[in-house]
Every structure is written in C-alpha cells, then in structure tokens.
Amino acid sequence: MGRKRRGQPVNGWVVIDKPLGLTSTQVLGRLRRVYDPQKIGHGGTLDPLATGLLPVAMGEATKTVSYIMDGRKRYTFTLRWGEATATDDAEGEVTERSDRRPATAEVEAVLPRFIGLVEQVPPIFSAIKVAGERAYDKARACEDFALSARPVRVHRLALAENGPETATFEVDCGKGAYMRALARDLGLALDTYAHVVALRRTAVGPFTEKHAISLESLEALGHSAAASGPLLPLETALDDIPALALTEAEANCLRRGQAVSMMARINRARIEAFDNGSIVYATHGGKPVALARYDAGDIRPVRVLNL
C-alpha cells in the first residue's frame, strides 16, 4: 500500500495581492497554514519591495505553473532619476549620481529602443544561477562576476508620468524581463542614472487584479477559504491553450499515459486547428484530463491531471 500523502487534497489557484515587504516564499508559508495543501507553488517570484499579483497553485494546479510563468505580465513601476544603486532598486546602496533630469519629450523619444525583442542584462542581485549559485548570493559575498545579456520581449512601454525626480511607466512584457534592469537602462540611455522605487504587478497570464485577494482577507476566511470564491479552478490558468474534448475511452487512455490516435477521418475536424507539436488542454465532460501534445496525428499526454 502506498504511503498516504500529507496535507489536504486542495486543487486550484489563488491569486494573492502581495503586500510590500514580504518575500514570495513567505506568502507561500502563510498560505500553507490556511489551506494545508499537499503541494504548493507560485507562478513567478515578486521581490519584497514589489506589490501585486502573485498567483499560487495548489495540488494538481502545480502542474500548470510553467504555463503561467511563460505568459505575458503587466507592471507599473516608478523610478528615481539621478541615482544608480547596487541592486537597481531603493534597497541598495547608491553607487553613482547625476544632476541630469530628462524632460518628458526626451524620455518618450527613447522608449521605442526598449520595445520588441531587446537584449537585457539582469540585475546582479537576481535569482539567476551563475556556476550553480544564485547571482544574489554571489553579489552579497562581494564576488566579482558578470551576467550576460539575454533577449526579452517587451510588448508595450509607456510613460504615465514624469516629474522632476521620478517617472512612472506601464509595461507589458514576456518571461524573464526585469523592471529593475529596464529602469537602469532607461537612465543610461538618457545620460543619467535611475533605479526603481516602486513596483506593482497588475497581470500575470490570464490573471488580473479582479482575481486577486489580499493575504489578510484570505487569512480571515480561515479553513473555509478552500470552499470559497478565492480558490480558482485549475483550468483558469489554461485559458490561452486550445481545448480538446475527448470521449470517455480517449480520456481513459490519456490517464493511463497512452497516446490517442486522431488519424480517423471522423476526427479531422477536431484537430485541424492544431499545429504539430502544440500543447492542448484535454477534457472529458467539461473536466480537465491532461495537458497533451499533438504529434503527427496522435495526442500524447504531457501532464495527467488527477482530479
């Protein structure tokens, strides 16, 4: 007999409006005390100095985390002109200063350089691994190292407000883009320095602020939270993935880890929109069955969802 899994069989997503000062790991710890889930994980780290959406997956929903982390994100951030810091945010020591303050027209003129597929060097205080170690650990140990530039996608970058000392921007971007690096590079492009003083994430993949709940409100619900509105269905994370309805026999094949052939003529209309190698969300009776890959006429299970 297999060993019984510890925790409660809670499956789904809860979107926390993370407060200032908490790490993402600390948020997970507090959610464990509320839900006692068998498994838990978040869909993209937020720094302690950032606020906003932290989607948290529990149970079988943890199998969909990568699809959230790969999705588009939306941020609002405020930078301070004239100062560079060691961490590219307000937490770090000031390393450089400049008296130059760019005018609004100057700022707007450089924004197109940072839209599209751009090369970005991550902040040295980041979770990127260098020779098996986190960059922030090496930076705190005052080790001498450099991070390589990497391509990131910025879909939209707009100036919301520009004052004498600070400016606020709105950003839509893809996976891996650092707002601290963007602020730093904007300063350098304008012959000055800059660092982030406020950062808020307002959307992650299909999740927006309308889905969010504060940590305090969730904790006030106590153990009833698992049966209440804040817990979103697993499939909420899969809105952007094409769905495929299966028969009971086909669903059972996927659940057993077996491929399902779609080569019969009767199935052509069901798969005509799928590209070879694409991921599909397989369902039966409106319920999740698996994340699967369409491969040369077959549907092959990638992650079976045991619900």
C-alpha atoms as a PDB file:
ATOM      1  CA  MET A   1       0.000   0.000   0.000  1.00  0.00           C
ATOM      2  CA  GLY A   2       1.385   3.429  -0.954  1.00  0.00           C
ATOM      3  CA  ARG A   3       2.133   5.967   1.722  1.00  0.00           C
ATOM      4  CA  LYS A   4      -0.712   8.427   2.238  1.00  0.00           C
ATOM      5  CA  ARG A   5       0.178  11.933   1.076  1.00  0.00           C
ATOM      6  CA  ARG A   6       0.266  14.565   3.800  1.00  0.00           C
ATOM      7  CA  GLY A   7      -1.981  17.606   3.580  1.00  0.00           C
ATOM      8  CA  GLN A   8      -5.399  18.292   2.135  1.00  0.00           C
ATOM      9  CA  PRO A   9      -6.434  17.490  -1.482  1.00  0.00           C
ATOM     10  CA  VAL A  10      -6.814  21.141  -2.477  1.00  0.00           C
ATOM     11  CA  ASN A  11      -6.571  21.780  -6.243  1.00  0.00           C
ATOM     12  CA  GLY A  12      -6.669  25.193  -7.864  1.00  0.00           C
ATOM     13  CA  TRP A  13      -5.217  28.677  -7.958  1.00  0.00           C
ATOM     14  CA  VAL A  14      -5.431  31.575  -5.531  1.00  0.00           C
ATOM     15  CA  VAL A  15      -4.157  34.987  -6.648  1.00  0.00           C
ATOM     16  CA  ILE A  16      -2.656  36.981  -3.793  1.00  0.00           C
ATOM     17  CA  ASP A  17      -2.241  40.737  -3.909  1.00  0.00           C
ATOM     18  CA  LYS A  18       1.192  40.575  -2.311  1.00  0.00           C
ATOM     19  CA  PRO A  19       1.904  43.353   0.187  1.00  0.00           C
ATOM     20  CA  LEU A  20       5.119  45.325   0.419  1.00  0.00           C
ATOM     21  CA  GLY A  21       7.934  43.738   2.404  1.00  0.00           C
ATOM     22  CA  LEU A  22       7.079  40.037   2.103  1.00  0.00           C
ATOM     23  CA  THR A  23       9.013  37.543   0.015  1.00  0.00           C
ATOM     24  CA  SER A  24       7.114  35.188  -2.278  1.00  0.00           C
ATOM     25  CA  THR A  25       8.289  32.288  -0.098  1.00  0.00           C
ATOM     26  CA  GLN A  26       6.808  33.935   2.991  1.00  0.00           C
ATOM     27  CA  VAL A  27       3.467  34.233   1.192  1.00  0.00           C
ATOM     28  CA  LEU A  28       3.549  30.509   0.414  1.00  0.00           C
ATOM     29  CA  GLY A  29       4.245  29.762   4.085  1.00  0.00           C
ATOM     30  CA  ARG A  30       1.177  31.694   5.192  1.00  0.00           C
ATOM     31  CA  LEU A  31      -0.997  30.009   2.559  1.00  0.00           C
ATOM     32  CA  ARG A  32       0.169  26.602   3.768  1.00  0.00           C
ATOM     33  CA  ARG A  33      -1.269  27.450   7.181  1.00  0.00           C
ATOM     34  CA  VAL A  34      -4.614  28.405   5.615  1.00  0.00           C
ATOM     35  CA  TYR A  35      -5.070  25.561   3.120  1.00  0.00           C
ATOM     36  CA  ASP A  36      -2.652  22.816   4.278  1.00  0.00           C
ATOM     37  CA  PRO A  37      -2.299  21.685   0.624  1.00  0.00           C
ATOM     38  CA  GLN A  38      -0.452  18.573  -0.449  1.00  0.00           C
ATOM     39  CA  LYS A  39       1.521  20.623  -2.986  1.00  0.00           C
ATOM     40  CA  ILE A  40       2.009  24.370  -3.469  1.00  0.00           C
ATOM     41  CA  GLY A  41       3.997  26.671  -5.746  1.00  0.00           C
ATOM     42  CA  HIS A  42       3.847  30.184  -7.195  1.00  0.00           C
ATOM     43  CA  GLY A  43       3.702  31.417 -10.760  1.00  0.00           C
ATOM     44  CA  GLY A  44       6.609  33.878 -10.740  1.00  0.00           C
ATOM     45  CA  THR A  45       8.608  35.470  -7.923  1.00  0.00           C
ATOM     46  CA  LEU A  46       7.957  39.020  -6.721  1.00  0.00           C
ATOM     47  CA  ASP A  47      10.702  40.887  -4.862  1.00  0.00           C
ATOM     48  CA  PRO A  48       9.951  42.024  -1.274  1.00  0.00           C
ATOM     49  CA  LEU A  49       9.850  45.659  -2.471  1.00  0.00           C
ATOM     50  CA  ALA A  50       7.235  44.794  -5.114  1.00  0.00           C
ATOM     51  CA  THR A  51       3.475  44.517  -4.647  1.00  0.00           C
ATOM     52  CA  GLY A  52       0.739  42.997  -6.762  1.00  0.00           C
ATOM     53  CA  LEU A  53      -0.289  39.707  -8.266  1.00  0.00           C
ATOM     54  CA  LEU A  54       1.327  36.515  -7.022  1.00  0.00           C
ATOM     55  CA  PRO A  55      -0.612  33.548  -8.457  1.00  0.00           C
ATOM     56  CA  VAL A  56      -0.250  30.478  -6.227  1.00  0.00           C
ATOM     57  CA  ALA A  57      -1.026  26.946  -7.427  1.00  0.00           C
ATOM     58  CA  MET A  58      -2.065  24.097  -5.149  1.00  0.00           C
ATOM     59  CA  GLY A  59      -2.379  20.374  -5.711  1.00  0.00           C
ATOM     60  CA  GLU A  60      -2.764  19.344  -9.348  1.00  0.00           C
ATOM     61  CA  ALA A  61      -2.674  23.011 -10.394  1.00  0.00           C
ATOM     62  CA  THR A  62       1.090  22.987  -9.708  1.00  0.00           C
ATOM     63  CA  LYS A  63       1.385  21.025 -12.979  1.00  0.00           C
ATOM     64  CA  THR A  64       0.262  24.163 -14.835  1.00  0.00           C
ATOM     65  CA  VAL A  65       2.703  26.624 -13.207  1.00  0.00           C
ATOM     66  CA  SER A  66       5.068  26.722 -16.191  1.00  0.00           C
ATOM     67  CA  TYR A  67       2.240  27.938 -18.451  1.00  0.00           C
ATOM     68  CA  ILE A  68       1.651  30.904 -16.145  1.00  0.00           C
ATOM     69  CA  MET A  69       5.348  31.726 -15.837  1.00  0.00           C
ATOM     70  CA  ASP A  70       5.685  31.702 -19.628  1.00  0.00           C
ATOM     71  CA  GLY A  71       2.711  34.052 -20.054  1.00  0.00           C
ATOM     72  CA  ARG A  72       2.633  37.821 -20.502  1.00  0.00           C
ATOM     73  CA  LYS A  73       2.919  40.087 -17.481  1.00  0.00           C
ATOM     74  CA  ARG A  74       1.934  43.680 -16.811  1.00  0.00           C
ATOM     75  CA  TYR A  75       3.704  46.061 -14.429  1.00  0.00           C
ATOM     76  CA  THR A  76       3.600  49.627 -13.244  1.00  0.00           C
ATOM     77  CA  PHE A  77       6.882  50.942 -11.871  1.00  0.00           C
ATOM     78  CA  THR A  78       8.270  54.246 -10.655  1.00  0.00           C
ATOM     79  CA  LEU A  79      11.944  55.108 -10.977  1.00  0.00           C
ATOM     80  CA  ARG A  80      14.035  57.830  -9.405  1.00  0.00           C
ATOM     81  CA  TRP A  81      16.243  59.822 -11.742  1.00  0.00           C
ATOM     82  CA  GLY A  82      19.847  60.679 -10.946  1.00  0.00           C
ATOM     83  CA  GLU A  83      20.920  57.714  -8.808  1.00  0.00           C
ATOM     84  CA  ALA A  84      22.197  54.218  -9.564  1.00  0.00           C
ATOM     85  CA  THR A  85      22.141  51.638  -6.788  1.00  0.00           C
ATOM     86  CA  ALA A  86      23.864  48.295  -6.275  1.00  0.00           C
ATOM     87  CA  THR A  87      20.541  46.440  -6.518  1.00  0.00           C
ATOM     88  CA  ASP A  88      18.863  48.704  -9.117  1.00  0.00           C
ATOM     89  CA  ASP A  89      16.135  49.444  -6.552  1.00  0.00           C
ATOM     90  CA  ALA A  90      15.696  51.510  -3.391  1.00  0.00           C
ATOM     91  CA  GLU A  91      17.077  48.744  -1.169  1.00  0.00           C
ATOM     92  CA  GLY A  92      20.658  49.044  -2.431  1.00  0.00           C
ATOM     93  CA  GLU A  93      23.459  51.452  -1.690  1.00  0.00           C
ATOM     94  CA  VAL A  94      23.769  54.414  -4.070  1.00  0.00           C
ATOM     95  CA  THR A  95      26.757  53.808  -6.367  1.00  0.00           C
ATOM     96  CA  GLU A  96      26.505  56.690  -8.869  1.00  0.00           C
ATOM     97  CA  ARG A  97      24.849  60.117  -9.011  1.00  0.00           C
ATOM     98  CA  SER A  98      23.975  62.577 -11.759  1.00  0.00           C
ATOM     99  CA  ASP A  99      22.368  66.026 -11.760  1.00  0.00           C
ATOM    100  CA  ARG A 100      20.722  65.429 -15.125  1.00  0.00           C
ATOM    101  CA  ARG A 101      16.915  65.109 -15.183  1.00  0.00           C
ATOM    102  CA  PRO A 102      15.436  64.215 -18.593  1.00  0.00           C
ATOM    103  CA  ALA A 103      12.476  66.118 -19.988  1.00  0.00           C
ATOM    104  CA  THR A 104       9.283  64.268 -20.901  1.00  0.00           C
ATOM    105  CA  ALA A 105       9.961  64.580 -24.650  1.00  0.00           C
ATOM    106  CA  GLU A 106      13.419  63.074 -24.178  1.00  0.00           C
ATOM    107  CA  VAL A 107      12.033  60.122 -22.237  1.00  0.00           C
ATOM    108  CA  GLU A 108       9.342  59.408 -24.813  1.00  0.00           C
ATOM    109  CA  ALA A 109      11.908  59.610 -27.623  1.00  0.00           C
ATOM    110  CA  VAL A 110      13.994  56.703 -26.247  1.00  0.00           C
ATOM    111  CA  LEU A 111      11.105  54.367 -25.394  1.00  0.00           C
ATOM    112  CA  PRO A 112      10.993  52.669 -28.835  1.00  0.00           C
ATOM    113  CA  ARG A 113      14.526  51.327 -28.179  1.00  0.00           C
ATOM    114  CA  PHE A 114      13.101  49.208 -25.376  1.00  0.00           C
ATOM    115  CA  ILE A 115      10.075  47.771 -27.190  1.00  0.00           C
ATOM    116  CA  GLY A 116      10.174  44.469 -29.061  1.00  0.00           C
ATOM    117  CA  LEU A 117      12.826  41.794 -28.639  1.00  0.00           C
ATOM    118  CA  VAL A 118      15.566  43.562 -26.672  1.00  0.00           C
ATOM    119  CA  GLU A 119      18.839  42.461 -25.097  1.00  0.00           C
ATOM    120  CA  GLN A 120      18.771  42.944 -21.325  1.00  0.00           C
ATOM    121  CA  VAL A 121      21.443  42.298 -18.694  1.00  0.00           C
ATOM    122  CA  PRO A 122      19.700  41.130 -15.498  1.00  0.00           C
ATOM    123  CA  PRO A 123      20.472  42.875 -12.182  1.00  0.00           C
ATOM    124  CA  ILE A 124      23.357  41.227 -10.339  1.00  0.00           C
ATOM    125  CA  PHE A 125      21.012  40.921  -7.352  1.00  0.00           C
ATOM    126  CA  SER A 126      18.731  38.391  -9.052  1.00  0.00           C
ATOM    127  CA  ALA A 127      17.866  34.703  -8.766  1.00  0.00           C
ATOM    128  CA  ILE A 128      19.701  33.771 -11.967  1.00  0.00           C
ATOM    129  CA  LYS A 129      22.202  30.957 -11.442  1.00  0.00           C
ATOM    130  CA  VAL A 130      25.904  31.507 -12.128  1.00  0.00           C
ATOM    131  CA  ALA A 131      28.049  28.355 -11.929  1.00  0.00           C
ATOM    132  CA  GLY A 132      25.355  26.714  -9.819  1.00  0.00           C
ATOM    133  CA  GLU A 133      24.931  29.648  -7.400  1.00  0.00           C
ATOM    134  CA  ARG A 134      22.269  32.346  -7.258  1.00  0.00           C
ATOM    135  CA  ALA A 135      23.575  35.675  -8.512  1.00  0.00           C
ATOM    136  CA  TYR A 136      22.293  37.478  -5.402  1.00  0.00           C
ATOM    137  CA  ASP A 137      24.319  35.154  -3.157  1.00  0.00           C
ATOM    138  CA  LYS A 138      27.493  35.886  -5.131  1.00  0.00           C
ATOM    139  CA  ALA A 139      26.714  39.627  -5.078  1.00  0.00           C
ATOM    140  CA  ARG A 140      26.174  39.620  -1.307  1.00  0.00           C
ATOM    141  CA  ALA A 141      29.509  37.827  -0.906  1.00  0.00           C
ATOM    142  CA  CYS A 142      31.115  40.644  -2.954  1.00  0.00           C
ATOM    143  CA  GLU A 143      32.313  38.170  -5.595  1.00  0.00           C
ATOM    144  CA  ASP A 144      33.431  39.590  -8.939  1.00  0.00           C
ATOM    145  CA  PHE A 145      31.215  38.260 -11.750  1.00  0.00           C
ATOM    146  CA  ALA A 146      29.185  39.449 -14.713  1.00  0.00           C
ATOM    147  CA  LEU A 147      25.841  38.415 -16.156  1.00  0.00           C
ATOM    148  CA  SER A 148      25.348  38.056 -19.888  1.00  0.00           C
ATOM    149  CA  ALA A 149      22.658  39.901 -21.804  1.00  0.00           C
ATOM    150  CA  ARG A 150      19.677  37.825 -22.842  1.00  0.00           C
ATOM    151  CA  PRO A 151      16.719  38.530 -25.134  1.00  0.00           C
ATOM    152  CA  VAL A 152      13.427  39.530 -23.512  1.00  0.00           C
ATOM    153  CA  ARG A 153      10.178  40.604 -25.136  1.00  0.00           C
ATOM    154  CA  VAL A 154       8.619  43.976 -24.257  1.00  0.00           C
ATOM    155  CA  HIS A 155       5.221  44.344 -25.895  1.00  0.00           C
ATOM    156  CA  ARG A 156       4.397  47.793 -24.561  1.00  0.00           C
ATOM    157  CA  LEU A 157       6.270  50.502 -22.645  1.00  0.00           C
ATOM    158  CA  ALA A 158       4.507  53.794 -21.925  1.00  0.00           C
ATOM    159  CA  LEU A 159       5.380  56.819 -19.825  1.00  0.00           C
ATOM    160  CA  ALA A 160       2.490  57.513 -17.435  1.00  0.00           C
ATOM    161  CA  GLU A 161       4.030  60.452 -15.573  1.00  0.00           C
ATOM    162  CA  ASN A 162       7.352  62.298 -15.484  1.00  0.00           C
ATOM    163  CA  GLY A 163       8.208  64.618 -12.614  1.00  0.00           C
ATOM    164  CA  PRO A 164      11.341  66.449 -11.543  1.00  0.00           C
ATOM    165  CA  GLU A 165      12.752  63.476  -9.621  1.00  0.00           C
ATOM    166  CA  THR A 166      10.666  60.427 -10.565  1.00  0.00           C
ATOM    167  CA  ALA A 167       8.865  58.889 -13.537  1.00  0.00           C
ATOM    168  CA  THR A 168       6.187  56.191 -13.720  1.00  0.00           C
ATOM    169  CA  PHE A 169       5.882  53.664 -16.540  1.00  0.00           C
ATOM    170  CA  GLU A 170       3.447  50.962 -17.625  1.00  0.00           C
ATOM    171  CA  VAL A 171       4.886  47.774 -19.151  1.00  0.00           C
ATOM    172  CA  ASP A 172       3.541  44.653 -20.865  1.00  0.00           C
ATOM    173  CA  CYS A 173       6.272  42.059 -21.255  1.00  0.00           C
ATOM    174  CA  GLY A 174       7.156  38.409 -21.621  1.00  0.00           C
ATOM    175  CA  LYS A 175       9.016  35.971 -19.420  1.00  0.00           C
ATOM    176  CA  GLY A 176      12.319  36.994 -17.832  1.00  0.00           C
ATOM    177  CA  ALA A 177      12.113  40.789 -18.188  1.00  0.00           C
ATOM    178  CA  TYR A 178      13.379  42.680 -15.131  1.00  0.00           C
ATOM    179  CA  MET A 179      11.829  46.056 -14.385  1.00  0.00           C
ATOM    180  CA  ARG A 180      14.904  46.988 -12.337  1.00  0.00           C
ATOM    181  CA  ALA A 181      17.097  46.404 -15.384  1.00  0.00           C
ATOM    182  CA  LEU A 182      14.685  48.365 -17.573  1.00  0.00           C
ATOM    183  CA  ALA A 183      14.807  51.334 -15.172  1.00  0.00           C
ATOM    184  CA  ARG A 184      18.611  51.159 -15.032  1.00  0.00           C
ATOM    185  CA  ASP A 185      18.898  51.061 -18.830  1.00  0.00           C
ATOM    186  CA  LEU A 186      16.421  53.907 -19.322  1.00  0.00           C
ATOM    187  CA  GLY A 187      18.576  56.073 -17.088  1.00  0.00           C
ATOM    188  CA  LEU A 188      21.739  55.220 -19.017  1.00  0.00           C
ATOM    189  CA  ALA A 189      20.023  55.841 -22.369  1.00  0.00           C
ATOM    190  CA  LEU A 190      19.163  59.337 -21.130  1.00  0.00           C
ATOM    191  CA  ASP A 191      22.700  60.146 -19.929  1.00  0.00           C
ATOM    192  CA  THR A 192      21.785  59.840 -16.279  1.00  0.00           C
ATOM    193  CA  TYR A 193      21.116  57.112 -13.722  1.00  0.00           C
ATOM    194  CA  ALA A 194      17.908  55.579 -12.425  1.00  0.00           C
ATOM    195  CA  HIS A 195      16.620  52.918 -10.044  1.00  0.00           C
ATOM    196  CA  VAL A 196      13.192  51.523  -9.145  1.00  0.00           C
ATOM    197  CA  VAL A 197      11.478  52.965  -6.073  1.00  0.00           C
ATOM    198  CA  ALA A 198       8.028  51.348  -6.532  1.00  0.00           C
ATOM    199  CA  LEU A 199       6.911  48.292  -8.499  1.00  0.00           C
ATOM    200  CA  ARG A 200       3.496  46.658  -8.877  1.00  0.00           C
ATOM    201  CA  ARG A 201       2.498  43.652 -10.988  1.00  0.00           C
ATOM    202  CA  THR A 202      -1.049  44.034 -12.277  1.00  0.00           C
ATOM    203  CA  ALA A 203      -1.461  40.970 -14.528  1.00  0.00           C
ATOM    204  CA  VAL A 204       0.097  37.517 -14.989  1.00  0.00           C
ATOM    205  CA  GLY A 205      -1.097  35.417 -17.923  1.00  0.00           C
ATOM    206  CA  PRO A 206      -4.909  35.178 -17.602  1.00  0.00           C
ATOM    207  CA  PHE A 207      -4.898  36.527 -14.029  1.00  0.00           C
ATOM    208  CA  THR A 208      -5.746  40.195 -13.404  1.00  0.00           C
ATOM    209  CA  GLU A 209      -6.472  42.311 -10.362  1.00  0.00           C
ATOM    210  CA  LYS A 210     -10.137  41.245 -10.459  1.00  0.00           C
ATOM    211  CA  HIS A 211      -8.962  37.747  -9.418  1.00  0.00           C
ATOM    212  CA  ALA A 212      -6.814  38.965  -6.515  1.00  0.00           C
ATOM    213  CA  ILE A 213      -7.408  38.833  -2.783  1.00  0.00           C
ATOM    214  CA  SER A 214      -5.289  40.314  -0.016  1.00  0.00           C
ATOM    215  CA  LEU A 215      -3.390  37.962   2.242  1.00  0.00           C
ATOM    216  CA  GLU A 216      -5.164  39.386   5.283  1.00  0.00           C
ATOM    217  CA  SER A 217      -8.623  38.817   3.766  1.00  0.00           C
ATOM    218  CA  LEU A 218      -7.740  35.245   2.869  1.00  0.00           C
ATOM    219  CA  GLU A 219      -6.396  34.509   6.342  1.00  0.00           C
ATOM    220  CA  ALA A 220      -9.579  35.937   7.841  1.00  0.00           C
ATOM    221  CA  LEU A 221     -11.554  33.280   5.943  1.00  0.00           C
ATOM    222  CA  GLY A 222      -9.507  30.584   7.683  1.00  0.00           C
ATOM    223  CA  HIS A 223     -10.025  26.998   6.584  1.00  0.00           C
ATOM    224  CA  SER A 224     -13.292  27.923   4.846  1.00  0.00           C
ATOM    225  CA  ALA A 225     -11.139  29.548   2.128  1.00  0.00           C
ATOM    226  CA  ALA A 226     -10.826  26.201   0.326  1.00  0.00           C
ATOM    227  CA  ALA A 227     -14.573  26.135  -0.305  1.00  0.00           C
ATOM    228  CA  SER A 228     -14.956  29.837  -1.120  1.00  0.00           C
ATOM    229  CA  GLY A 229     -14.520  32.157  -4.082  1.00  0.00           C
ATOM    230  CA  PRO A 230     -10.779  32.900  -3.762  1.00  0.00           C
ATOM    231  CA  LEU A 231      -9.870  29.379  -4.924  1.00  0.00           C
ATOM    232  CA  LEU A 232      -9.997  29.391  -8.732  1.00  0.00           C
ATOM    233  CA  PRO A 233     -10.300  26.209 -10.816  1.00  0.00           C
ATOM    234  CA  LEU A 234      -7.125  24.674 -12.210  1.00  0.00           C
ATOM    235  CA  GLU A 235      -8.298  25.362 -15.765  1.00  0.00           C
ATOM    236  CA  THR A 236      -8.297  29.134 -15.151  1.00  0.00           C
ATOM    237  CA  ALA A 237      -4.572  29.016 -15.911  1.00  0.00           C
ATOM    238  CA  LEU A 238      -5.173  27.340 -19.270  1.00  0.00           C
ATOM    239  CA  ASP A 239      -7.358  29.955 -20.966  1.00  0.00           C
ATOM    240  CA  ASP A 240      -4.769  30.543 -23.704  1.00  0.00           C
ATOM    241  CA  ILE A 241      -4.293  26.831 -24.506  1.00  0.00           C
ATOM    242  CA  PRO A 242      -6.585  25.237 -27.108  1.00  0.00           C
ATOM    243  CA  ALA A 243      -9.018  22.725 -25.626  1.00  0.00           C
ATOM    244  CA  LEU A 244      -9.856  19.274 -26.972  1.00  0.00           C
ATOM    245  CA  ALA A 245     -12.946  17.399 -25.775  1.00  0.00           C
ATOM    246  CA  LEU A 246     -12.375  13.646 -25.510  1.00  0.00           C
ATOM    247  CA  THR A 247     -14.621  10.626 -25.370  1.00  0.00           C
ATOM    248  CA  GLU A 248     -14.545   8.573 -22.192  1.00  0.00           C
ATOM    249  CA  ALA A 249     -12.387   5.898 -23.845  1.00  0.00           C
ATOM    250  CA  GLU A 250      -9.912   8.513 -25.128  1.00  0.00           C
ATOM    251  CA  ALA A 251      -9.744  10.196 -21.721  1.00  0.00           C
ATOM    252  CA  ASN A 252      -9.012   6.870 -20.040  1.00  0.00           C
ATOM    253  CA  CYS A 253      -6.150   6.243 -22.466  1.00  0.00           C
ATOM    254  CA  LEU A 254      -4.545   9.584 -21.609  1.00  0.00           C
ATOM    255  CA  ARG A 255      -4.997   8.942 -17.897  1.00  0.00           C
ATOM    256  CA  ARG A 256      -3.050   5.698 -18.325  1.00  0.00           C
ATOM    257  CA  GLY A 257      -0.267   7.584 -20.080  1.00  0.00           C
ATOM    258  CA  GLN A 258      -1.180   6.220 -23.510  1.00  0.00           C
ATOM    259  CA  ALA A 259      -1.364   8.176 -26.779  1.00  0.00           C
ATOM    260  CA  VAL A 260      -4.694   8.646 -28.561  1.00  0.00           C
ATOM    261  CA  SER A 261      -4.750   8.437 -32.365  1.00  0.00           C
ATOM    262  CA  MET A 262      -6.661  11.182 -34.199  1.00  0.00           C
ATOM    263  CA  MET A 263      -5.990   9.841 -37.692  1.00  0.00           C
ATOM    264  CA  ALA A 264      -9.518   8.610 -38.365  1.00  0.00           C
ATOM    265  CA  ARG A 265     -11.418  10.842 -40.810  1.00  0.00           C
ATOM    266  CA  ILE A 266     -14.143  11.488 -38.245  1.00  0.00           C
ATOM    267  CA  ASN A 267     -11.545  13.210 -36.022  1.00  0.00           C
ATOM    268  CA  ARG A 268     -10.106  15.581 -38.641  1.00  0.00           C
ATOM    269  CA  ALA A 269     -12.372  18.493 -37.697  1.00  0.00           C
ATOM    270  CA  ARG A 270     -11.366  18.129 -34.034  1.00  0.00           C
ATOM    271  CA  ILE A 271      -7.647  18.600 -34.741  1.00  0.00           C
ATOM    272  CA  GLU A 272      -7.496  20.817 -37.829  1.00  0.00           C
ATOM    273  CA  ALA A 273      -6.610  23.908 -35.766  1.00  0.00           C
ATOM    274  CA  PHE A 274      -3.632  22.222 -34.042  1.00  0.00           C
ATOM    275  CA  ASP A 275      -0.061  22.650 -35.240  1.00  0.00           C
ATOM    276  CA  ASN A 276       2.288  19.709 -34.939  1.00  0.00           C
ATOM    277  CA  GLY A 277       3.940  19.833 -31.510  1.00  0.00           C
ATOM    278  CA  SER A 278       1.348  22.184 -30.000  1.00  0.00           C
ATOM    279  CA  ILE A 279       0.109  21.732 -26.422  1.00  0.00           C
ATOM    280  CA  VAL A 280      -3.611  21.109 -25.958  1.00  0.00           C
ATOM    281  CA  TYR A 281      -5.833  21.007 -22.893  1.00  0.00           C
ATOM    282  CA  ALA A 282      -7.718  17.700 -22.956  1.00  0.00           C
ATOM    283  CA  THR A 283     -11.092  17.455 -21.215  1.00  0.00           C
ATOM    284  CA  HIS A 284     -13.894  14.975 -20.724  1.00  0.00           C
ATOM    285  CA  GLY A 285     -17.357  16.015 -19.613  1.00  0.00           C
ATOM    286  CA  GLY A 286     -16.068  19.548 -19.083  1.00  0.00           C
ATOM    287  CA  LYS A 287     -13.434  18.366 -16.571  1.00  0.00           C
ATOM    288  CA  PRO A 288      -9.624  18.507 -17.003  1.00  0.00           C
ATOM    289  CA  VAL A 289      -7.943  15.277 -18.055  1.00  0.00           C
ATOM    290  CA  ALA A 290      -4.411  16.182 -19.136  1.00  0.00           C
ATOM    291  CA  LEU A 291      -2.097  18.603 -20.809  1.00  0.00           C
ATOM    292  CA  ALA A 292      -1.125  16.840 -24.006  1.00  0.00           C
ATOM    293  CA  ARG A 293       0.919  17.345 -27.152  1.00  0.00           C
ATOM    294  CA  TYR A 294      -0.412  16.958 -30.682  1.00  0.00           C
ATOM    295  CA  ASP A 295       2.218  14.914 -32.500  1.00  0.00           C
ATOM    296  CA  ALA A 296       1.775  13.694 -36.081  1.00  0.00           C
ATOM    297  CA  GLY A 297      -1.863  12.759 -35.642  1.00  0.00           C
ATOM    298  CA  ASP A 298      -1.571  11.497 -32.068  1.00  0.00           C
ATOM    299  CA  ILE A 299      -2.477  13.178 -28.786  1.00  0.00           C
ATOM    300  CA  ARG A 300       0.240  12.273 -26.276  1.00  0.00           C
ATOM    301  CA  PRO A 301      -0.086  13.047 -22.528  1.00  0.00           C
ATOM    302  CA  VAL A 302       2.435  15.505 -21.086  1.00  0.00           C
ATOM    303  CA  ARG A 303       0.936  16.038 -17.617  1.00  0.00           C
ATOM    304  CA  VAL A 304      -2.009  13.951 -16.465  1.00  0.00           C
ATOM    305  CA  LEU A 305      -4.339  15.895 -14.152  1.00  0.00           C
ATOM    306  CA  ASN A 306      -5.634  13.614 -11.411  1.00  0.00           C
ATOM    307  CA  LEU A 307      -8.906  15.293 -10.441  1.00  0.00           C
END
